[in-house]
Amino acid sequence: MRSTDGGQTFSAPVLAVTATAHPLWMDTRTPDAFVCPGTAMPGAPPALCLATEPSGLLANDQTIYTDGLPAP
């Protein structure tokens, strides 16, 4: 099952048929931080930067979560 809302995607694949259900979901709201160009080298301590997509949206990271729940 997949749906898209405001640039975020929700996916709920079926992983296995057991007595425990393992739903899986992704969260893309966390900004994608990376080491800024020109930093993390001798004489320039590392700094974190964010990026903006060409569309003007902030580039986001994707975090995946799951949990074991009793199957109905």
C-alpha atoms as a PDB file:
ATOM      1  CA  MET A   1       0.000   0.000   0.000  1.00  0.00           C
ATOM      2  CA  ARG A   2       1.414   3.418  -0.971  1.00  0.00           C
ATOM      3  CA  SER A   3       0.064   6.925  -0.686  1.00  0.00           C
ATOM      4  CA  THR A   4       1.662  10.314  -1.158  1.00  0.00           C
ATOM      5  CA  ASP A   5       0.804  13.468   0.769  1.00  0.00           C
ATOM      6  CA  GLY A   6       2.746  16.716   0.616  1.00  0.00           C
ATOM      7  CA  GLY A   7       5.953  15.177  -0.679  1.00  0.00           C
ATOM      8  CA  GLN A   8       5.950  12.398   1.928  1.00  0.00           C
ATOM      9  CA  THR A   9       5.392   8.748   1.093  1.00  0.00           C
ATOM     10  CA  PHE A  10       3.859   6.098   3.324  1.00  0.00           C
ATOM     11  CA  SER A  11       4.599   2.465   2.466  1.00  0.00           C
ATOM     12  CA  ALA A  12       3.159  -0.551   4.243  1.00  0.00           C
ATOM     13  CA  PRO A  13       4.554  -3.737   2.708  1.00  0.00           C
ATOM     14  CA  VAL A  14       3.554  -7.195   3.925  1.00  0.00           C
ATOM     15  CA  LEU A  15       6.749  -8.769   5.266  1.00  0.00           C
ATOM     16  CA  ALA A  16       5.623 -12.197   6.480  1.00  0.00           C
ATOM     17  CA  VAL A  17       2.637 -14.141   7.801  1.00  0.00           C
ATOM     18  CA  THR A  18       3.327 -14.980  11.462  1.00  0.00           C
ATOM     19  CA  ALA A  19       1.673 -14.515  14.858  1.00  0.00           C
ATOM     20  CA  THR A  20       3.370 -11.121  15.021  1.00  0.00           C
ATOM     21  CA  ALA A  21       2.735  -8.292  12.566  1.00  0.00           C
ATOM     22  CA  HIS A  22       5.681  -6.050  11.663  1.00  0.00           C
ATOM     23  CA  PRO A  23       4.375  -2.769  10.229  1.00  0.00           C
ATOM     24  CA  LEU A  24       7.017  -0.652   8.544  1.00  0.00           C
ATOM     25  CA  TRP A  25       6.853   3.099   8.041  1.00  0.00           C
ATOM     26  CA  MET A  26       9.185   5.863   6.883  1.00  0.00           C
ATOM     27  CA  ASP A  27       9.454   9.416   8.182  1.00  0.00           C
ATOM     28  CA  THR A  28      10.932  11.983   5.792  1.00  0.00           C
ATOM     29  CA  ARG A  29      10.457  15.093   7.953  1.00  0.00           C
ATOM     30  CA  THR A  30      14.021  15.217   9.347  1.00  0.00           C
ATOM     31  CA  PRO A  31      16.257  17.629   7.404  1.00  0.00           C
ATOM     32  CA  ASP A  32      19.145  15.905   5.614  1.00  0.00           C
ATOM     33  CA  ALA A  33      22.308  17.258   7.263  1.00  0.00           C
ATOM     34  CA  PHE A  34      25.709  16.721   5.677  1.00  0.00           C
ATOM     35  CA  VAL A  35      29.246  18.075   6.073  1.00  0.00           C
ATOM     36  CA  CYS A  36      29.494  21.498   4.407  1.00  0.00           C
ATOM     37  CA  PRO A  37      31.859  21.792   1.441  1.00  0.00           C
ATOM     38  CA  GLY A  38      35.204  23.296   2.400  1.00  0.00           C
ATOM     39  CA  THR A  39      35.003  22.068   6.005  1.00  0.00           C
ATOM     40  CA  ALA A  40      36.339  18.970   7.793  1.00  0.00           C
ATOM     41  CA  MET A  41      39.862  19.565   6.526  1.00  0.00           C
ATOM     42  CA  PRO A  42      43.017  20.902   8.162  1.00  0.00           C
ATOM     43  CA  GLY A  43      42.315  24.396   9.482  1.00  0.00           C
ATOM     44  CA  ALA A  44      38.546  24.159   8.893  1.00  0.00           C
ATOM     45  CA  PRO A  45      36.499  22.321  11.531  1.00  0.00           C
ATOM     46  CA  PRO A  46      33.538  20.315  10.256  1.00  0.00           C
ATOM     47  CA  ALA A  47      30.218  22.123   9.936  1.00  0.00           C
ATOM     48  CA  LEU A  48      26.784  20.749   9.100  1.00  0.00           C
ATOM     49  CA  CYS A  49      24.780  22.131   6.188  1.00  0.00           C
ATOM     50  CA  LEU A  50      21.262  21.673   4.879  1.00  0.00           C
ATOM     51  CA  ALA A  51      20.239  21.721   1.214  1.00  0.00           C
ATOM     52  CA  THR A  52      17.294  23.045  -0.722  1.00  0.00           C
ATOM     53  CA  GLU A  53      15.858  21.171  -3.712  1.00  0.00           C
ATOM     54  CA  PRO A  54      15.571  23.036  -7.039  1.00  0.00           C
ATOM     55  CA  SER A  55      11.809  23.173  -6.303  1.00  0.00           C
ATOM     56  CA  GLY A  56      12.540  25.172  -3.128  1.00  0.00           C
ATOM     57  CA  LEU A  57      11.773  22.300  -0.718  1.00  0.00           C
ATOM     58  CA  LEU A  58      14.262  21.426   2.030  1.00  0.00           C
ATOM     59  CA  ALA A  59      16.126  18.170   1.326  1.00  0.00           C
ATOM     60  CA  ASN A  60      15.016  15.577   3.895  1.00  0.00           C
ATOM     61  CA  ASP A  61      16.497  12.404   5.309  1.00  0.00           C
ATOM     62  CA  GLN A  62      14.494   9.181   5.531  1.00  0.00           C
ATOM     63  CA  THR A  63      14.198   7.288   8.820  1.00  0.00           C
ATOM     64  CA  ILE A  64      12.616   3.812   8.787  1.00  0.00           C
ATOM     65  CA  TYR A  65      10.678   2.430  11.759  1.00  0.00           C
ATOM     66  CA  THR A  66       9.092  -0.933  12.550  1.00  0.00           C
ATOM     67  CA  ASP A  67       7.447  -2.577  15.540  1.00  0.00           C
ATOM     68  CA  GLY A  68       6.311  -6.092  16.440  1.00  0.00           C
ATOM     69  CA  LEU A  69       2.593  -6.189  17.203  1.00  0.00           C
ATOM     70  CA  PRO A  70       0.231  -9.118  17.858  1.00  0.00           C
ATOM     71  CA  ALA A  71      -1.411 -10.143  14.585  1.00  0.00           C
ATOM     72  CA  PRO A  72      -5.203  -9.913  14.587  1.00  0.00           C
END
